[in-house]
Amino acid sequence: MVDSRSQYPISRVKTGPIPIFTYAPPMGDPAVLFSDEHIVAVDKPAGLLTVPGIAPEKQDCLRSRIQGMFPEAQGPMTCHRLDLSTSGVIVLGLTKEAHRNLSIQFENRRTEKAYTALLEGHLETDEGTINCPMRKDMDVRPLMLVDYVQGKPSVTHYRVLARESYQGRPVTRVELVPHTGRTHQLRVHAAHPRVTTIGAPSGEETTGLNAPIVGDELYDEPNAPRLMLHATTLSIHHPVTGERMRFDAPIPF
């Protein structure tokens, strides 16, 4: 198969079909980690959209629930997102000014994030950096692919926390620190080279870990009750005081 944007053949490991998705978010308000009159940091549960989807049944989301919890909130509120399947810490602006300030911080990479994940198998190396440029897979939506020709820079640092077992099979608990914010970046960097690829790495580009995140129904198999990926920590500057703040969400697995 040849992609219309490139003369390079696609090494497509997974062609679909994409699992049928039924939106059934968990009930209840998310746990509040911090709030004042300007911002709120919460622990988003897995299975809840960050922002509304197109379909009527997908209007229930983190933003709508926060609006219900903080009816005085104004503006777009959300300045970054977590995937539907990812849990963990996320911060929202409760005023237009706070939202704008936070959005600029994320755009200029003045924030710091760290995730915890369980990966299939036992990694041989204890830490390293993954540099796999990515873009959308135009033929198999909503998947992303690694494209060493036309992909956008995508960098993740990983560090092994423990080598464990899960449901009788070996897994590795890792900390993942993204230095860019591509869609599905951590999921693809963990699973690559088991995901769709164009071209071959050269120069400072690398391959991924070949160790999908446990429970990743998009880039591996739905072999767990949830995607084992959690946004553990987030550091920002308070949009009004400028104080450096760190929020931590307890790891649920």
Protein backbone atom coordinates (compact mmCIF):
# COMPACT_ATOMS: atom_id res chain seq x y z
CA MET A 1 0.00 0.00 0.00
CA VAL A 2 1.29 3.46 -0.89
CA ASP A 3 0.18 6.57 0.95
CA SER A 4 -1.06 9.42 -1.22
CA ARG A 5 1.26 11.88 0.55
CA SER A 6 4.46 9.93 0.01
CA GLN A 7 6.23 7.62 -2.42
CA TYR A 8 7.32 5.51 0.54
CA PRO A 9 5.36 2.31 1.25
CA ILE A 10 3.44 2.01 4.50
CA SER A 11 4.38 -0.85 6.78
CA ARG A 12 0.88 -1.26 8.17
CA VAL A 13 0.78 -3.77 11.02
CA LYS A 14 -2.80 -3.04 12.06
CA THR A 15 -5.32 -2.30 9.34
CA GLY A 16 -8.49 -2.49 11.37
CA PRO A 17 -11.29 -2.77 11.88
CA ILE A 18 -11.17 -0.29 14.74
CA PRO A 19 -13.09 -1.70 17.72
CA ILE A 20 -16.71 -0.57 17.91
CA PHE A 21 -16.91 2.09 20.58
CA THR A 22 -19.86 2.61 22.90
CA TYR A 23 -19.55 5.70 25.05
CA ALA A 24 -20.41 4.77 28.64
CA PRO A 25 -18.53 7.20 30.92
CA PRO A 26 -18.21 6.53 34.64
CA MET A 27 -20.71 8.33 36.82
CA GLY A 28 -20.01 11.02 39.39
CA ASP A 29 -17.95 14.18 39.66
CA PRO A 30 -14.18 13.90 39.21
CA ALA A 31 -12.01 14.18 42.31
CA VAL A 32 -10.79 17.76 42.84
CA LEU A 33 -7.05 18.02 43.52
CA PHE A 34 -7.00 21.82 43.88
CA SER A 35 -9.30 24.75 43.20
CA ASP A 36 -9.53 28.48 43.73
CA GLU A 37 -11.41 31.25 41.92
CA HIS A 38 -9.09 30.99 38.90
CA ILE A 39 -8.30 27.31 38.22
CA VAL A 40 -9.32 23.78 39.14
CA ALA A 41 -7.18 20.65 38.90
CA VAL A 42 -9.00 17.32 38.87
CA ASP A 43 -8.31 13.60 38.48
CA LYS A 44 -10.10 12.62 35.26
CA PRO A 45 -11.32 9.02 35.26
CA ALA A 46 -10.64 6.71 32.33
CA GLY A 47 -13.60 6.50 29.95
CA LEU A 48 -14.65 10.15 30.20
CA LEU A 49 -14.14 12.56 27.29
CA THR A 50 -12.32 15.78 28.10
CA VAL A 51 -14.51 17.86 25.76
CA PRO A 52 -17.86 17.10 24.08
CA GLY A 53 -18.03 14.88 21.03
CA ILE A 54 -20.24 15.44 18.01
CA ALA A 55 -22.94 12.90 18.85
CA PRO A 56 -25.65 13.92 21.35
CA GLU A 57 -24.69 11.12 23.76
CA LYS A 58 -21.14 12.48 23.90
CA GLN A 59 -22.06 15.87 25.36
CA ASP A 60 -21.36 14.48 28.83
CA CYS A 61 -17.66 15.14 29.38
CA LEU A 62 -15.17 16.47 31.89
CA ARG A 63 -15.80 20.07 30.86
CA SER A 64 -19.57 19.79 31.25
CA ARG A 65 -19.19 18.16 34.66
CA ILE A 66 -16.77 20.87 35.83
CA GLN A 67 -19.23 23.49 34.58
CA GLY A 68 -21.86 21.85 36.78
CA MET A 69 -19.50 21.82 39.76
CA PHE A 70 -18.37 25.44 39.19
CA PRO A 71 -21.39 27.23 37.64
CA GLU A 72 -19.61 30.60 37.87
CA ALA A 73 -16.90 29.44 35.45
CA GLN A 74 -16.50 31.45 32.24
CA GLY A 75 -14.80 30.86 28.91
CA PRO A 76 -13.64 27.67 27.16
CA MET A 77 -12.14 26.25 30.39
CA THR A 78 -10.14 23.41 28.79
CA CYS A 79 -6.57 24.28 27.77
CA HIS A 80 -5.22 20.73 27.33
CA ARG A 81 -6.71 17.28 27.01
CA LEU A 82 -6.31 13.66 28.00
CA ASP A 83 -7.45 10.83 25.75
CA LEU A 84 -10.80 9.26 26.57
CA SER A 85 -9.02 6.11 27.80
CA THR A 86 -6.36 7.95 29.83
CA SER A 87 -6.93 8.93 33.45
CA GLY A 88 -5.15 11.44 35.62
CA VAL A 89 -4.51 15.06 36.43
CA ILE A 90 -5.86 17.84 34.23
CA VAL A 91 -6.21 21.57 34.93
CA LEU A 92 -8.96 23.90 33.69
CA GLY A 93 -9.31 27.67 33.75
CA LEU A 94 -12.36 29.04 35.54
CA THR A 95 -12.03 32.50 33.97
CA LYS A 96 -11.26 33.63 30.43
CA GLU A 97 -8.02 35.20 31.62
CA ALA A 98 -6.87 32.07 33.43
CA HIS A 99 -7.74 29.92 30.42
CA ARG A 100 -5.74 32.16 28.09
CA ASN A 101 -2.71 32.18 30.42
CA LEU A 102 -2.76 28.39 30.84
CA SER A 103 -3.19 27.84 27.11
CA ILE A 104 -0.08 29.93 26.43
CA GLN A 105 1.86 27.94 29.03
CA PHE A 106 0.97 24.67 27.32
CA GLU A 107 1.69 26.12 23.87
CA ASN A 108 5.10 27.39 24.97
CA ARG A 109 5.88 24.17 26.88
CA ARG A 110 6.24 25.89 30.23
CA THR A 111 4.29 23.03 31.83
CA GLU A 112 5.71 19.69 32.90
CA LYS A 113 3.86 16.36 32.74
CA ALA A 114 4.67 12.81 33.75
CA TYR A 115 2.64 9.67 33.15
CA THR A 116 2.72 6.18 34.61
CA ALA A 117 2.02 3.20 32.33
CA LEU A 118 2.17 -0.57 32.28
CA LEU A 119 3.84 -1.90 29.13
CA GLU A 120 3.66 -5.44 27.76
CA GLY A 121 6.79 -7.49 28.50
CA HIS A 122 9.94 -6.65 30.42
CA LEU A 123 11.99 -3.84 28.89
CA GLU A 124 15.71 -4.55 28.61
CA THR A 125 16.85 -0.94 29.07
CA ASP A 126 16.15 1.09 32.21
CA GLU A 127 15.65 4.46 30.52
CA GLY A 128 16.00 6.28 27.25
CA THR A 129 14.48 8.72 24.78
CA ILE A 130 12.11 7.87 21.93
CA ASN A 131 12.25 10.16 18.89
CA CYS A 132 9.62 8.94 16.42
CA PRO A 133 8.01 11.63 14.23
CA MET A 134 4.27 11.11 13.85
CA ARG A 135 1.22 12.08 11.85
CA LYS A 136 -2.35 10.90 11.26
CA ASP A 137 -2.94 7.65 9.40
CA MET A 138 -5.25 9.07 6.75
CA ASP A 139 -6.56 5.61 5.75
CA VAL A 140 -7.19 4.13 9.20
CA ARG A 141 -8.71 6.81 11.41
CA PRO A 142 -8.31 7.64 14.25
CA LEU A 143 -4.93 5.89 14.33
CA MET A 144 -1.61 7.71 14.14
CA LEU A 145 1.50 6.45 12.39
CA VAL A 146 5.25 6.95 12.60
CA ASP A 147 6.44 8.76 9.48
CA TYR A 148 10.18 9.36 9.23
CA VAL A 149 9.58 11.36 6.03
CA GLN A 150 6.70 13.76 6.77
CA GLY A 151 5.90 13.25 10.46
CA LYS A 152 6.02 16.00 13.08
CA PRO A 153 8.75 15.81 15.74
CA SER A 154 7.59 13.65 18.65
CA VAL A 155 9.86 12.98 21.64
CA THR A 156 9.23 10.97 24.83
CA HIS A 157 11.59 10.08 27.67
CA TYR A 158 10.96 6.82 29.54
CA ARG A 159 12.25 5.40 32.82
CA VAL A 160 11.59 1.93 34.22
CA LEU A 161 10.01 1.98 37.68
CA ALA A 162 9.53 -1.77 38.15
CA ARG A 163 9.31 -5.06 36.27
CA GLU A 164 6.13 -6.81 37.36
CA SER A 165 3.46 -9.26 36.26
CA TYR A 166 -0.15 -8.58 35.32
CA GLN A 167 -2.70 -11.36 34.90
CA GLY A 168 0.15 -13.86 34.78
CA ARG A 169 2.20 -12.13 32.08
CA PRO A 170 5.29 -9.91 32.35
CA VAL A 171 4.77 -6.14 32.28
CA THR A 172 6.98 -3.13 32.93
CA ARG A 173 5.87 -0.15 34.99
CA VAL A 174 7.37 2.98 33.46
CA GLU A 175 7.35 6.74 33.82
CA LEU A 176 6.73 8.50 30.52
CA VAL A 177 7.60 12.17 30.08
CA PRO A 178 6.44 13.68 26.77
CA HIS A 179 8.47 16.60 25.41
CA THR A 180 5.93 17.13 22.61
CA GLY A 181 2.17 16.70 22.67
CA ARG A 182 1.09 14.71 19.63
CA THR A 183 -2.19 12.80 19.60
CA HIS A 184 -1.66 9.25 20.95
CA GLN A 185 2.06 10.02 21.30
CA LEU A 186 2.70 7.82 24.34
CA ARG A 187 0.61 4.96 22.97
CA VAL A 188 2.40 5.01 19.62
CA HIS A 189 5.90 5.45 21.05
CA ALA A 190 5.33 2.48 23.34
CA ALA A 191 3.94 0.20 20.62
CA HIS A 192 6.21 1.20 17.73
CA PRO A 193 7.57 -0.63 15.67
CA ARG A 194 4.36 -2.64 15.97
CA VAL A 195 2.36 0.30 14.59
CA THR A 196 2.09 1.71 11.08
CA THR A 197 5.36 3.13 9.80
CA ILE A 198 6.65 4.99 6.75
CA GLY A 199 10.34 5.08 5.94
CA ALA A 200 13.18 4.15 8.26
CA PRO A 201 14.90 6.08 11.08
CA SER A 202 18.05 7.98 10.27
CA GLY A 203 20.24 10.45 12.11
CA GLU A 204 18.90 11.05 15.61
CA GLU A 205 15.54 9.34 14.99
CA THR A 206 14.85 6.14 16.91
CA THR A 207 12.41 3.26 16.99
CA GLY A 208 9.90 2.83 19.77
CA LEU A 209 9.76 0.32 22.60
CA ASN A 210 7.85 -2.46 20.79
CA ALA A 211 5.92 -2.80 24.06
CA PRO A 212 2.29 -1.61 23.77
CA ILE A 213 0.55 -0.15 26.79
CA VAL A 214 -1.51 -2.82 28.53
CA GLY A 215 -5.16 -2.55 27.48
CA ASP A 216 -4.49 -0.45 24.36
CA GLU A 217 -7.36 -1.42 22.08
CA LEU A 218 -6.13 0.82 19.25
CA TYR A 219 -2.47 -0.20 18.95
CA ASP A 220 -2.58 -3.69 20.45
CA GLU A 221 -5.38 -5.79 21.94
CA PRO A 222 -8.11 -4.96 24.48
CA ASN A 223 -6.51 -7.28 27.05
CA ALA A 224 -7.33 -5.35 30.23
CA PRO A 225 -10.37 -3.57 31.71
CA ARG A 226 -8.84 -0.20 30.78
CA LEU A 227 -5.84 1.46 29.16
CA MET A 228 -3.08 1.33 31.76
CA LEU A 229 -1.97 4.93 31.22
CA HIS A 230 -2.33 7.61 33.89
CA ALA A 231 -1.30 11.28 34.00
CA THR A 232 0.45 11.21 37.37
CA THR A 233 1.80 14.74 37.77
CA LEU A 234 1.33 18.16 36.18
CA SER A 235 3.28 21.33 36.98
CA ILE A 236 2.15 24.80 35.90
CA HIS A 237 2.55 28.44 36.88
CA HIS A 238 -0.54 29.82 38.58
CA PRO A 239 -2.10 32.16 35.98
CA VAL A 240 -2.49 35.03 38.47
CA THR A 241 0.22 34.69 41.13
CA GLY A 242 2.86 33.06 38.92
CA GLU A 243 3.57 30.52 41.66
CA ARG A 244 4.91 27.20 40.42
CA MET A 245 2.36 24.51 41.32
CA ARG A 246 2.45 20.73 41.07
CA PHE A 247 -0.62 18.49 41.13
CA ASP A 248 -0.46 14.72 41.72
CA ALA A 249 -3.16 12.16 40.96
CA PRO A 250 -3.00 8.78 42.75
CA ILE A 251 -2.10 5.89 40.42
CA PRO A 252 -5.14 3.58 40.07
CA PHE A 253 -3.25 0.46 38.90
